[in-house]
PDB file of N, CA and C in Angstrom:
ATOM      1  N   GLN A   1       2.841  -1.361  23.450  1.00  0.00           N
ATOM      2  CA  GLN A   1       3.696  -1.308  22.892  1.00  0.00           C
ATOM      3  C   GLN A   1       2.586   0.054  21.112  1.00  0.00           C
ATOM      4  N   VAL A   2       3.260   1.004  21.107  1.00  0.00           N
ATOM      5  CA  VAL A   2       2.218   2.117  20.040  1.00  0.00           C
ATOM      6  C   VAL A   2       2.644   1.263  18.412  1.00  0.00           C
ATOM      7  N   GLN A   3       1.430   0.986  18.033  1.00  0.00           N
ATOM      8  CA  GLN A   3       1.224   0.928  16.940  1.00  0.00           C
ATOM      9  C   GLN A   3       0.355   2.067  15.204  1.00  0.00           C
ATOM     10  N   LEU A   4       0.100   1.696  14.238  1.00  0.00           N
ATOM     11  CA  LEU A   4      -0.400   2.487  13.933  1.00  0.00           C
ATOM     12  C   LEU A   4      -1.019   2.064  12.488  1.00  0.00           C
ATOM     13  N   VAL A   5      -2.500   1.983  12.186  1.00  0.00           N
ATOM     14  CA  VAL A   5      -2.405   0.859  11.480  1.00  0.00           C
ATOM     15  C   VAL A   5      -3.822   0.835  10.624  1.00  0.00           C
ATOM     16  N   GLU A   6      -2.781   1.508   9.202  1.00  0.00           N
ATOM     17  CA  GLU A   6      -3.830   1.811   7.650  1.00  0.00           C
ATOM     18  C   GLU A   6      -5.050   0.737   7.885  1.00  0.00           C
ATOM     19  N   SER A   7      -5.731   2.028   6.552  1.00  0.00           N
ATOM     20  CA  SER A   7      -6.526   1.318   5.468  1.00  0.00           C
ATOM     21  C   SER A   7      -7.655   1.658   4.924  1.00  0.00           C
ATOM     22  N   GLY A   8      -7.791   1.172   3.953  1.00  0.00           N
ATOM     23  CA  GLY A   8      -8.825   1.665   3.188  1.00  0.00           C
ATOM     24  C   GLY A   8      -8.356   2.847   1.389  1.00  0.00           C
ATOM     25  N   GLY A   9      -6.786   1.669   1.161  1.00  0.00           N
ATOM     26  CA  GLY A   9      -6.191   1.585   0.608  1.00  0.00           C
ATOM     27  C   GLY A   9      -6.872   0.702  -1.284  1.00  0.00           C
ATOM     28  N   GLY A  10      -6.775   0.632  -2.033  1.00  0.00           N
ATOM     29  CA  GLY A  10      -7.442  -0.163  -3.169  1.00  0.00           C
ATOM     30  C   GLY A  10      -7.335   0.270  -4.055  1.00  0.00           C
ATOM     31  N   LEU A  11      -8.400  -0.617  -5.273  1.00  0.00           N
ATOM     32  CA  LEU A  11      -7.723   0.469  -6.809  1.00  0.00           C
ATOM     33  C   LEU A  11      -8.850   1.420  -6.972  1.00  0.00           C
ATOM     34  N   VAL A  12      -8.445   1.774  -8.086  1.00  0.00           N
ATOM     35  CA  VAL A  12      -9.775   3.587  -8.324  1.00  0.00           C
ATOM     36  C   VAL A  12      -8.807   3.664  -9.663  1.00  0.00           C
ATOM     37  N   GLN A  13     -10.578   3.660 -10.650  1.00  0.00           N
ATOM     38  CA  GLN A  13     -10.270   4.187 -11.853  1.00  0.00           C
ATOM     39  C   GLN A  13      -9.600   6.687 -11.491  1.00  0.00           C
ATOM     40  N   ALA A  14      -8.781   6.338 -12.910  1.00  0.00           N
ATOM     41  CA  ALA A  14      -8.512   7.200 -12.893  1.00  0.00           C
ATOM     42  C   ALA A  14      -9.688   8.702 -12.912  1.00  0.00           C
ATOM     43  N   GLY A  15      -9.306   9.538 -11.886  1.00  0.00           N
ATOM     44  CA  GLY A  15     -10.653  11.122 -11.475  1.00  0.00           C
ATOM     45  C   GLY A  15     -11.352  10.355 -10.196  1.00  0.00           C
ATOM     46  N   GLY A  16     -11.451   9.226  -9.669  1.00  0.00           N
ATOM     47  CA  GLY A  16     -12.268   8.343  -8.563  1.00  0.00           C
ATOM     48  C   GLY A  16     -11.344   8.991  -7.192  1.00  0.00           C
ATOM     49  N   SER A  17     -12.485   8.279  -6.822  1.00  0.00           N
ATOM     50  CA  SER A  17     -12.097   9.360  -4.949  1.00  0.00           C
ATOM     51  C   SER A  17     -11.511   8.309  -4.461  1.00  0.00           C
ATOM     52  N   LEU A  18     -11.064   8.431  -2.910  1.00  0.00           N
ATOM     53  CA  LEU A  18     -10.353   7.195  -2.252  1.00  0.00           C
ATOM     54  C   LEU A  18      -9.627   8.119  -0.854  1.00  0.00           C
ATOM     55  N   ARG A  19     -10.829   7.198   0.399  1.00  0.00           N
ATOM     56  CA  ARG A  19     -10.138   8.153   1.793  1.00  0.00           C
ATOM     57  C   ARG A  19      -9.403   6.988   2.751  1.00  0.00           C
ATOM     58  N   LEU A  20      -8.011   7.110   2.908  1.00  0.00           N
ATOM     59  CA  LEU A  20      -7.852   6.256   4.174  1.00  0.00           C
ATOM     60  C   LEU A  20      -7.368   6.737   5.038  1.00  0.00           C
ATOM     61  N   SER A  21      -7.248   5.586   6.297  1.00  0.00           N
ATOM     62  CA  SER A  21      -7.782   5.671   7.306  1.00  0.00           C
ATOM     63  C   SER A  21      -6.286   5.199   8.462  1.00  0.00           C
ATOM     64  N   CYS A  22      -6.458   5.880   9.337  1.00  0.00           N
ATOM     65  CA  CYS A  22      -4.833   5.584  10.352  1.00  0.00           C
ATOM     66  C   CYS A  22      -5.204   5.572  11.875  1.00  0.00           C
ATOM     67  N   ALA A  23      -5.015   4.856  12.470  1.00  0.00           N
ATOM     68  CA  ALA A  23      -5.138   4.755  13.449  1.00  0.00           C
ATOM     69  C   ALA A  23      -4.251   4.388  14.110  1.00  0.00           C
ATOM     70  N   ALA A  24      -4.022   4.823  15.901  1.00  0.00           N
ATOM     71  CA  ALA A  24      -3.483   4.905  16.522  1.00  0.00           C
ATOM     72  C   ALA A  24      -3.404   4.685  18.130  1.00  0.00           C
ATOM     73  N   SER A  25      -2.737   3.613  18.162  1.00  0.00           N
ATOM     74  CA  SER A  25      -3.020   2.225  19.874  1.00  0.00           C
ATOM     75  C   SER A  25      -2.149   2.735  20.473  1.00  0.00           C
ATOM     76  N   GLY A  26      -2.457   2.262  21.513  1.00  0.00           N
ATOM     77  CA  GLY A  26      -1.036   1.768  22.098  1.00  0.00           C
ATOM     78  C   GLY A  26      -0.856   2.367  23.403  1.00  0.00           C
ATOM     79  N   SER A  27      -0.265   2.317  24.058  1.00  0.00           N
ATOM     80  CA  SER A  27      -0.140   3.169  25.356  1.00  0.00           C
ATOM     81  C   SER A  27       0.568   4.969  25.198  1.00  0.00           C
ATOM     82  N   ILE A  28      -0.495   5.363  24.642  1.00  0.00           N
ATOM     83  CA  ILE A  28       0.093   6.790  23.363  1.00  0.00           C
ATOM     84  C   ILE A  28      -0.501   8.003  24.889  1.00  0.00           C
ATOM     85  N   ALA A  29       0.994   8.713  25.376  1.00  0.00           N
ATOM     86  CA  ALA A  29       0.568  10.170  26.270  1.00  0.00           C
ATOM     87  C   ALA A  29      -0.493  11.204  25.231  1.00  0.00           C
ATOM     88  N   SER A  30       0.379  11.568  24.166  1.00  0.00           N
ATOM     89  CA  SER A  30       0.548  12.679  23.535  1.00  0.00           C
ATOM     90  C   SER A  30       1.277  11.875  22.042  1.00  0.00           C
ATOM     91  N   ILE A  31       0.259  13.072  21.273  1.00  0.00           N
ATOM     92  CA  ILE A  31       0.541  12.887  18.942  1.00  0.00           C
ATOM     93  C   ILE A  31       0.566  14.089  19.222  1.00  0.00           C
ATOM     94  N   ASN A  32       1.996  14.296  18.186  1.00  0.00           N
ATOM     95  CA  ASN A  32       1.909  15.427  17.942  1.00  0.00           C
ATOM     96  C   ASN A  32       2.098  15.730  16.423  1.00  0.00           C
ATOM     97  N   ASN A  33       2.349  16.260  15.509  1.00  0.00           N
ATOM     98  CA  ASN A  33       2.313  15.989  13.648  1.00  0.00           C
ATOM     99  C   ASN A  33       2.001  14.477  13.867  1.00  0.00           C
ATOM    100  N   MET A  34       0.989  14.427  12.778  1.00  0.00           N
ATOM    101  CA  MET A  34       0.333  13.847  11.867  1.00  0.00           C
ATOM    102  C   MET A  34       0.548  13.500  10.409  1.00  0.00           C
ATOM    103  N   ALA A  35       1.545  12.672   9.783  1.00  0.00           N
ATOM    104  CA  ALA A  35       1.182  12.714   8.147  1.00  0.00           C
ATOM    105  C   ALA A  35       1.348  12.076   7.578  1.00  0.00           C
ATOM    106  N   TRP A  36       0.662  11.828   6.143  1.00  0.00           N
ATOM    107  CA  TRP A  36       0.875  11.046   5.225  1.00  0.00           C
ATOM    108  C   TRP A  36       2.008  11.159   3.899  1.00  0.00           C
ATOM    109  N   TYR A  37       2.268   9.778   4.166  1.00  0.00           N
ATOM    110  CA  TYR A  37       3.507   9.741   3.442  1.00  0.00           C
ATOM    111  C   TYR A  37       3.654   8.675   1.711  1.00  0.00           C
ATOM    112  N   ARG A  38       3.993   9.255   0.510  1.00  0.00           N
ATOM    113  CA  ARG A  38       4.156   7.837  -0.281  1.00  0.00           C
ATOM    114  C   ARG A  38       4.728   7.603  -1.162  1.00  0.00           C
ATOM    115  N   GLN A  39       4.728   6.433  -1.149  1.00  0.00           N
ATOM    116  CA  GLN A  39       6.518   6.177  -2.427  1.00  0.00           C
ATOM    117  C   GLN A  39       6.164   4.590  -3.324  1.00  0.00           C
ATOM    118  N   ALA A  40       6.589   5.292  -4.258  1.00  0.00           N
ATOM    119  CA  ALA A  40       6.407   4.603  -5.410  1.00  0.00           C
ATOM    120  C   ALA A  40       7.257   3.990  -5.626  1.00  0.00           C
ATOM    121  N   PRO A  41       7.164   2.849  -6.162  1.00  0.00           N
ATOM    122  CA  PRO A  41       8.160   1.290  -6.772  1.00  0.00           C
ATOM    123  C   PRO A  41       9.335   2.002  -7.252  1.00  0.00           C
ATOM    124  N   GLY A  42      10.485   2.182  -6.545  1.00  0.00           N
ATOM    125  CA  GLY A  42      11.624   3.023  -7.215  1.00  0.00           C
ATOM    126  C   GLY A  42      12.554   4.253  -6.800  1.00  0.00           C
ATOM    127  N   LYS A  43      10.985   4.895  -6.464  1.00  0.00           N
ATOM    128  CA  LYS A  43      11.102   5.871  -5.523  1.00  0.00           C
ATOM    129  C   LYS A  43      11.550   6.275  -4.279  1.00  0.00           C
ATOM    130  N   GLN A  44      11.585   7.255  -3.756  1.00  0.00           N
ATOM    131  CA  GLN A  44      11.338   8.142  -2.074  1.00  0.00           C
ATOM    132  C   GLN A  44      10.144   8.001  -1.917  1.00  0.00           C
ATOM    133  N   ARG A  45      11.192   7.893  -0.837  1.00  0.00           N
ATOM    134  CA  ARG A  45       9.267   8.737   0.355  1.00  0.00           C
ATOM    135  C   ARG A  45       8.757  10.158   0.681  1.00  0.00           C
ATOM    136  N   ASP A  46       8.120  10.308  -0.254  1.00  0.00           N
ATOM    137  CA  ASP A  46       7.751  12.161  -0.321  1.00  0.00           C
ATOM    138  C   ASP A  46       6.610  12.342   1.123  1.00  0.00           C
ATOM    139  N   LEU A  47       6.979  13.293   1.391  1.00  0.00           N
ATOM    140  CA  LEU A  47       5.278  13.370   1.868  1.00  0.00           C
ATOM    141  C   LEU A  47       4.058  13.503   1.170  1.00  0.00           C
ATOM    142  N   VAL A  48       3.307  13.862   1.810  1.00  0.00           N
ATOM    143  CA  VAL A  48       1.866  13.887   0.625  1.00  0.00           C
ATOM    144  C   VAL A  48       1.134  14.884   1.661  1.00  0.00           C
ATOM    145  N   ALA A  49       1.088  14.824   2.654  1.00  0.00           N
ATOM    146  CA  ALA A  49       0.101  16.275   3.954  1.00  0.00           C
ATOM    147  C   ALA A  49       0.998  15.601   5.159  1.00  0.00           C
ATOM    148  N   SER A  50       0.297  17.006   5.715  1.00  0.00           N
ATOM    149  CA  SER A  50       1.023  16.816   7.772  1.00  0.00           C
ATOM    150  C   SER A  50      -0.003  17.854   7.960  1.00  0.00           C
ATOM    151  N   ILE A  51       0.080  17.137   9.199  1.00  0.00           N
ATOM    152  CA  ILE A  51      -1.346  17.642  10.254  1.00  0.00           C
ATOM    153  C   ILE A  51      -0.462  18.304  11.414  1.00  0.00           C
ATOM    154  N   THR A  52      -0.537  19.905  12.190  1.00  0.00           N
ATOM    155  CA  THR A  52      -0.328  19.271  13.868  1.00  0.00           C
ATOM    156  C   THR A  52      -2.121  19.651  14.496  1.00  0.00           C
ATOM    157  N   ARG A  53      -1.058  18.898  15.681  1.00  0.00           N
ATOM    158  CA  ARG A  53      -2.318  18.775  16.607  1.00  0.00           C
ATOM    159  C   ARG A  53      -3.461  19.807  16.645  1.00  0.00           C
ATOM    160  N   GLY A  54      -3.367  21.194  16.188  1.00  0.00           N
ATOM    161  CA  GLY A  54      -3.707  22.073  16.464  1.00  0.00           C
ATOM    162  C   GLY A  54      -4.909  22.583  15.189  1.00  0.00           C
ATOM    163  N   GLY A  55      -4.125  21.153  14.068  1.00  0.00           N
ATOM    164  CA  GLY A  55      -5.100  21.451  12.731  1.00  0.00           C
ATOM    165  C   GLY A  55      -4.160  22.041  11.739  1.00  0.00           C
ATOM    166  N   SER A  56      -3.377  22.909  11.948  1.00  0.00           N
ATOM    167  CA  SER A  56      -2.892  23.276  10.758  1.00  0.00           C
ATOM    168  C   SER A  56      -1.563  22.071   9.777  1.00  0.00           C
ATOM    169  N   THR A  57      -2.760  22.453   8.498  1.00  0.00           N
ATOM    170  CA  THR A  57      -2.481  21.474   6.992  1.00  0.00           C
ATOM    171  C   THR A  57      -0.839  21.850   6.071  1.00  0.00           C
ATOM    172  N   ASN A  58       0.025  21.084   5.543  1.00  0.00           N
ATOM    173  CA  ASN A  58       0.482  21.048   4.515  1.00  0.00           C
ATOM    174  C   ASN A  58       0.878  20.087   3.502  1.00  0.00           C
ATOM    175  N   TYR A  59      -0.042  20.152   1.990  1.00  0.00           N
ATOM    176  CA  TYR A  59       0.274  19.359   1.040  1.00  0.00           C
ATOM    177  C   TYR A  59       1.065  19.946   0.361  1.00  0.00           C
ATOM    178  N   ALA A  60       2.205  18.275  -0.187  1.00  0.00           N
ATOM    179  CA  ALA A  60       2.419  18.698  -1.404  1.00  0.00           C
ATOM    180  C   ALA A  60       1.931  19.350  -2.253  1.00  0.00           C
ATOM    181  N   ASP A  61       2.771  20.505  -2.995  1.00  0.00           N
ATOM    182  CA  ASP A  61       2.313  20.603  -4.504  1.00  0.00           C
ATOM    183  C   ASP A  61       1.312  20.158  -5.321  1.00  0.00           C
ATOM    184  N   SER A  62       1.471  18.513  -5.353  1.00  0.00           N
ATOM    185  CA  SER A  62       1.309  17.806  -6.297  1.00  0.00           C
ATOM    186  C   SER A  62      -0.430  17.616  -6.347  1.00  0.00           C
ATOM    187  N   VAL A  63      -0.558  17.657  -4.544  1.00  0.00           N
ATOM    188  CA  VAL A  63      -1.224  17.288  -4.292  1.00  0.00           C
ATOM    189  C   VAL A  63      -2.752  17.903  -3.900  1.00  0.00           C
ATOM    190  N   LYS A  64      -2.012  19.766  -3.627  1.00  0.00           N
ATOM    191  CA  LYS A  64      -2.838  21.024  -3.799  1.00  0.00           C
ATOM    192  C   LYS A  64      -4.181  20.805  -4.482  1.00  0.00           C
ATOM    193  N   GLY A  65      -4.934  20.543  -3.678  1.00  0.00           N
ATOM    194  CA  GLY A  65      -6.316  20.700  -3.816  1.00  0.00           C
ATOM    195  C   GLY A  65      -7.234  19.759  -4.204  1.00  0.00           C
ATOM    196  N   ARG A  66      -6.736  18.980  -4.593  1.00  0.00           N
ATOM    197  CA  ARG A  66      -7.092  17.104  -4.252  1.00  0.00           C
ATOM    198  C   ARG A  66      -7.606  16.161  -3.315  1.00  0.00           C
ATOM    199  N   VAL A  67      -6.220  16.899  -2.021  1.00  0.00           N
ATOM    200  CA  VAL A  67      -6.691  16.497  -1.237  1.00  0.00           C
ATOM    201  C   VAL A  67      -6.088  17.038  -0.114  1.00  0.00           C
ATOM    202  N   THR A  68      -7.608  16.243   0.770  1.00  0.00           N
ATOM    203  CA  THR A  68      -7.719  16.952   2.448  1.00  0.00           C
ATOM    204  C   THR A  68      -7.271  15.934   3.409  1.00  0.00           C
ATOM    205  N   ILE A  69      -6.308  16.389   4.521  1.00  0.00           N
ATOM    206  CA  ILE A  69      -5.730  16.377   5.547  1.00  0.00           C
ATOM    207  C   ILE A  69      -6.356  15.888   6.691  1.00  0.00           C
ATOM    208  N   SER A  70      -7.280  15.227   8.130  1.00  0.00           N
ATOM    209  CA  SER A  70      -7.755  15.760   8.606  1.00  0.00           C
ATOM    210  C   SER A  70      -7.759  14.325  10.112  1.00  0.00           C
ATOM    211  N   ARG A  71      -7.446  14.684  11.353  1.00  0.00           N
ATOM    212  CA  ARG A  71      -7.214  14.006  12.309  1.00  0.00           C
ATOM    213  C   ARG A  71      -8.887  14.177  13.228  1.00  0.00           C
ATOM    214  N   ASP A  72      -8.769  13.413  13.759  1.00  0.00           N
ATOM    215  CA  ASP A  72      -9.847  13.341  15.291  1.00  0.00           C
ATOM    216  C   ASP A  72      -8.925  12.783  16.275  1.00  0.00           C
ATOM    217  N   ASN A  73      -8.411  13.886  17.569  1.00  0.00           N
ATOM    218  CA  ASN A  73      -7.369  14.191  18.802  1.00  0.00           C
ATOM    219  C   ASN A  73      -8.194  13.490  19.324  1.00  0.00           C
ATOM    220  N   ALA A  74      -9.659  12.987  19.768  1.00  0.00           N
ATOM    221  CA  ALA A  74      -9.492  12.018  21.109  1.00  0.00           C
ATOM    222  C   ALA A  74      -9.775  10.385  20.060  1.00  0.00           C
ATOM    223  N   LYS A  75      -9.820  10.201  19.211  1.00  0.00           N
ATOM    224  CA  LYS A  75      -9.539   9.217  18.422  1.00  0.00           C
ATOM    225  C   LYS A  75      -8.569   8.825  18.344  1.00  0.00           C
ATOM    226  N   ASN A  76      -7.935   9.873  18.204  1.00  0.00           N
ATOM    227  CA  ASN A  76      -5.822   9.290  17.596  1.00  0.00           C
ATOM    228  C   ASN A  76      -6.248   9.319  16.633  1.00  0.00           C
ATOM    229  N   THR A  77      -7.106   9.488  15.235  1.00  0.00           N
ATOM    230  CA  THR A  77      -6.850   9.311  14.165  1.00  0.00           C
ATOM    231  C   THR A  77      -6.552  10.159  13.221  1.00  0.00           C
ATOM    232  N   VAL A  78      -5.981   9.558  11.421  1.00  0.00           N
ATOM    233  CA  VAL A  78      -6.081  10.755  11.244  1.00  0.00           C
ATOM    234  C   VAL A  78      -6.339  10.121   9.465  1.00  0.00           C
ATOM    235  N   SER A  79      -6.865  10.629   8.773  1.00  0.00           N
ATOM    236  CA  SER A  79      -7.712  10.341   7.626  1.00  0.00           C
ATOM    237  C   SER A  79      -7.360  11.338   6.548  1.00  0.00           C
ATOM    238  N   LEU A  80      -6.911  10.754   5.298  1.00  0.00           N
ATOM    239  CA  LEU A  80      -6.652  11.580   4.011  1.00  0.00           C
ATOM    240  C   LEU A  80      -7.907  11.574   2.842  1.00  0.00           C
ATOM    241  N   GLN A  81      -8.423  12.320   2.445  1.00  0.00           N
ATOM    242  CA  GLN A  81      -9.582  11.990   1.647  1.00  0.00           C
ATOM    243  C   GLN A  81      -8.806  13.009   0.239  1.00  0.00           C
ATOM    244  N   MET A  82      -8.356  11.395  -0.831  1.00  0.00           N
ATOM    245  CA  MET A  82      -7.641  11.947  -1.847  1.00  0.00           C
ATOM    246  C   MET A  82      -9.113  11.967  -2.825  1.00  0.00           C
ATOM    247  N   ASN A  83     -10.011  12.722  -4.024  1.00  0.00           N
ATOM    248  CA  ASN A  83     -10.541  12.829  -4.789  1.00  0.00           C
ATOM    249  C   ASN A  83      -9.567  13.419  -6.017  1.00  0.00           C
ATOM    250  N   SER A  84      -9.767  13.435  -7.331  1.00  0.00           N
ATOM    251  CA  SER A  84     -10.035  13.220  -8.559  1.00  0.00           C
ATOM    252  C   SER A  84      -8.453  12.503  -8.832  1.00  0.00           C
ATOM    253  N   LEU A  85      -8.145  11.080  -8.766  1.00  0.00           N
ATOM    254  CA  LEU A  85      -7.188  10.878  -9.029  1.00  0.00           C
ATOM    255  C   LEU A  85      -6.351  10.518  -9.243  1.00  0.00           C
ATOM    256  N   LYS A  86      -5.213  10.942  -9.705  1.00  0.00           N
ATOM    257  CA  LYS A  86      -4.430  10.895 -11.175  1.00  0.00           C
ATOM    258  C   LYS A  86      -3.543   9.227 -11.247  1.00  0.00           C
ATOM    259  N   PRO A  87      -2.867   8.575 -12.390  1.00  0.00           N
ATOM    260  CA  PRO A  87      -2.295   7.300 -12.348  1.00  0.00           C
ATOM    261  C   PRO A  87      -0.555   7.711 -11.766  1.00  0.00           C
ATOM    262  N   GLU A  88      -0.626   8.853 -11.430  1.00  0.00           N
ATOM    263  CA  GLU A  88       0.526   9.069 -10.988  1.00  0.00           C
ATOM    264  C   GLU A  88       0.406   9.471  -9.428  1.00  0.00           C
ATOM    265  N   ASP A  89      -0.721   8.875  -9.023  1.00  0.00           N
ATOM    266  CA  ASP A  89      -0.862   9.493  -7.935  1.00  0.00           C
ATOM    267  C   ASP A  89      -0.723   7.967  -6.940  1.00  0.00           C
ATOM    268  N   THR A  90      -0.494   6.576  -7.681  1.00  0.00           N
ATOM    269  CA  THR A  90      -0.439   4.996  -7.434  1.00  0.00           C
ATOM    270  C   THR A  90       0.978   4.837  -6.323  1.00  0.00           C
ATOM    271  N   ALA A  91       1.090   5.077  -5.394  1.00  0.00           N
ATOM    272  CA  ALA A  91       2.029   4.551  -4.094  1.00  0.00           C
ATOM    273  C   ALA A  91       1.557   3.404  -3.400  1.00  0.00           C
ATOM    274  N   ALA A  92       2.071   2.698  -2.360  1.00  0.00           N
ATOM    275  CA  ALA A  92       2.151   2.343  -1.166  1.00  0.00           C
ATOM    276  C   ALA A  92       2.390   3.628  -0.262  1.00  0.00           C
ATOM    277  N   TYR A  93       1.127   3.905   0.546  1.00  0.00           N
ATOM    278  CA  TYR A  93       0.890   5.088   1.412  1.00  0.00           C
ATOM    279  C   TYR A  93       1.201   4.731   2.812  1.00  0.00           C
ATOM    280  N   TYR A  94       1.764   5.913   3.653  1.00  0.00           N
ATOM    281  CA  TYR A  94       2.386   5.368   5.073  1.00  0.00           C
ATOM    282  C   TYR A  94       2.203   6.005   5.644  1.00  0.00           C
ATOM    283  N   CYS A  95       1.276   5.845   6.832  1.00  0.00           N
ATOM    284  CA  CYS A  95       0.730   7.362   8.280  1.00  0.00           C
ATOM    285  C   CYS A  95       1.920   6.853   8.581  1.00  0.00           C
ATOM    286  N   ASN A  96       2.325   8.580   9.278  1.00  0.00           N
ATOM    287  CA  ASN A  96       3.328   8.299  10.325  1.00  0.00           C
ATOM    288  C   ASN A  96       2.706   9.540  11.251  1.00  0.00           C
ATOM    289  N   ALA A  97       3.375   8.966  12.786  1.00  0.00           N
ATOM    290  CA  ALA A  97       2.997  10.521  13.806  1.00  0.00           C
ATOM    291  C   ALA A  97       4.501  10.268  14.621  1.00  0.00           C
ATOM    292  N   ASP A  98       4.316  11.396  14.838  1.00  0.00           N
ATOM    293  CA  ASP A  98       5.314  11.638  16.069  1.00  0.00           C
ATOM    294  C   ASP A  98       4.509  11.906  17.558  1.00  0.00           C
ATOM    295  N   ILE A  99       5.300  10.915  18.139  1.00  0.00           N
ATOM    296  CA  ILE A  99       4.013  10.327  19.446  1.00  0.00           C
ATOM    297  C   ILE A  99       5.086   9.931  20.437  1.00  0.00           C
ATOM    298  N   LEU A 100       4.808  10.415  22.027  1.00  0.00           N
ATOM    299  CA  LEU A 100       4.759  10.527  23.081  1.00  0.00           C
ATOM    300  C   LEU A 100       4.565   9.101  23.268  1.00  0.00           C
ATOM    301  N   PRO A 101       5.127   8.171  24.065  1.00  0.00           N
ATOM    302  CA  PRO A 101       4.737   6.921  24.467  1.00  0.00           C
ATOM    303  C   PRO A 101       4.653   7.133  26.143  1.00  0.00           C
ATOM    304  N   ARG A 102       3.098   7.179  26.737  1.00  0.00           N
ATOM    305  CA  ARG A 102       3.997   7.768  28.632  1.00  0.00           C
ATOM    306  C   ARG A 102       4.539   6.647  29.091  1.00  0.00           C
ATOM    307  N   GLY A 103       5.503   7.131  29.857  1.00  0.00           N
ATOM    308  CA  GLY A 103       6.266   6.983  30.872  1.00  0.00           C
ATOM    309  C   GLY A 103       7.625   7.508  29.816  1.00  0.00           C
ATOM    310  N   SER A 104       7.740   8.058  28.395  1.00  0.00           N
ATOM    311  CA  SER A 104       8.374   8.188  27.951  1.00  0.00           C
ATOM    312  C   SER A 104       8.848   9.792  28.110  1.00  0.00           C
ATOM    313  N   PHE A 105      10.315   9.798  28.201  1.00  0.00           N
ATOM    314  CA  PHE A 105      10.737  11.832  27.722  1.00  0.00           C
ATOM    315  C   PHE A 105      10.624  11.985  26.329  1.00  0.00           C
ATOM    316  N   SER A 106      10.651  11.419  25.803  1.00  0.00           N
ATOM    317  CA  SER A 106      10.556  12.503  24.483  1.00  0.00           C
ATOM    318  C   SER A 106       9.942  11.086  23.510  1.00  0.00           C
ATOM    319  N   PRO A 107       8.988  12.670  22.350  1.00  0.00           N
ATOM    320  CA  PRO A 107       8.344  11.769  21.357  1.00  0.00           C
ATOM    321  C   PRO A 107       9.262  10.947  20.167  1.00  0.00           C
ATOM    322  N   ARG A 108       8.680  10.128  19.413  1.00  0.00           N
ATOM    323  CA  ARG A 108       9.731   8.953  18.710  1.00  0.00           C
ATOM    324  C   ARG A 108       8.406   8.863  17.555  1.00  0.00           C
ATOM    325  N   ALA A 109       8.958   8.861  15.761  1.00  0.00           N
ATOM    326  CA  ALA A 109       8.801   8.628  14.534  1.00  0.00           C
ATOM    327  C   ALA A 109       7.542   7.445  14.454  1.00  0.00           C
ATOM    328  N   TYR A 110       6.697   7.417  14.460  1.00  0.00           N
ATOM    329  CA  TYR A 110       6.653   6.148  14.257  1.00  0.00           C
ATOM    330  C   TYR A 110       6.071   5.907  13.050  1.00  0.00           C
ATOM    331  N   TRP A 111       5.389   4.480  11.790  1.00  0.00           N
ATOM    332  CA  TRP A 111       5.235   4.643  10.506  1.00  0.00           C
ATOM    333  C   TRP A 111       4.240   3.115  10.798  1.00  0.00           C
ATOM    334  N   GLY A 112       3.115   3.722  10.244  1.00  0.00           N
ATOM    335  CA  GLY A 112       2.106   2.411  10.180  1.00  0.00           C
ATOM    336  C   GLY A 112       2.789   0.824   8.307  1.00  0.00           C
ATOM    337  N   GLN A 113       1.961   0.158   8.276  1.00  0.00           N
ATOM    338  CA  GLN A 113       2.796  -0.953   7.234  1.00  0.00           C
ATOM    339  C   GLN A 113       2.531  -0.580   5.724  1.00  0.00           C
ATOM    340  N   GLY A 114       1.486   1.025   5.822  1.00  0.00           N
ATOM    341  CA  GLY A 114       1.518   1.095   4.557  1.00  0.00           C
ATOM    342  C   GLY A 114      -0.094   0.928   3.375  1.00  0.00           C
ATOM    343  N   THR A 115      -0.637   0.952   3.172  1.00  0.00           N
ATOM    344  CA  THR A 115      -1.434   0.769   2.166  1.00  0.00           C
ATOM    345  C   THR A 115      -1.818   0.642   0.818  1.00  0.00           C
ATOM    346  N   GLN A 116      -1.187   0.228  -0.021  1.00  0.00           N
ATOM    347  CA  GLN A 116      -1.324   0.144  -1.795  1.00  0.00           C
ATOM    348  C   GLN A 116      -2.534   0.829  -1.902  1.00  0.00           C
ATOM    349  N   VAL A 117      -2.730   2.091  -3.164  1.00  0.00           N
ATOM    350  CA  VAL A 117      -2.851   3.137  -4.272  1.00  0.00           C
ATOM    351  C   VAL A 117      -2.775   2.650  -5.191  1.00  0.00           C
ATOM    352  N   THR A 118      -3.694   2.182  -6.065  1.00  0.00           N
ATOM    353  CA  THR A 118      -3.045   1.939  -7.599  1.00  0.00           C
ATOM    354  C   THR A 118      -4.621   2.571  -8.300  1.00  0.00           C
ATOM    355  N   VAL A 119      -4.003   3.266  -9.069  1.00  0.00           N
ATOM    356  CA  VAL A 119      -4.822   4.491 -10.173  1.00  0.00           C
ATOM    357  C   VAL A 119      -4.912   4.283 -11.619  1.00  0.00           C
ATOM    358  N   SER A 120      -5.914   3.410 -11.378  1.00  0.00           N
ATOM    359  CA  SER A 120      -6.041   2.797 -13.357  1.00  0.00           C
ATOM    360  C   SER A 120      -6.362   3.867 -14.356  1.00  0.00           C
ATOM    361  N   SER A 121      -5.567   4.240 -15.463  1.00  0.00           N
ATOM    362  CA  SER A 121      -5.957   4.796 -16.643  1.00  0.00           C
ATOM    363  C   SER A 121      -6.927   4.901 -17.214  1.00  0.00           C
TER     364      SER A 121
END
């Protein structure tokens, strides 16, 4: 079974920093794109940042300059360093990855269980 497990969420004051981590485990042949999404109460789930296997990154306009996504292909992990946090960054953050399980012919999207980030003003 393939699974994604996130860690690193919590409560932080505005202007502070948090680092989220996500580890993929199980019978994995390869991982393509990895990404972080977030969902605030009553709102849709939106892309925060994504990174290809080769390291190309993409960021939502709302977090550009404050957030850095990185990955370790050898460890099957992806991280999200968030600085200068704002109250509007408060949301549940979800790890996402396109994973080809061993023995499968096509990759599929996997999601973590989510980790809560709360930024107080």
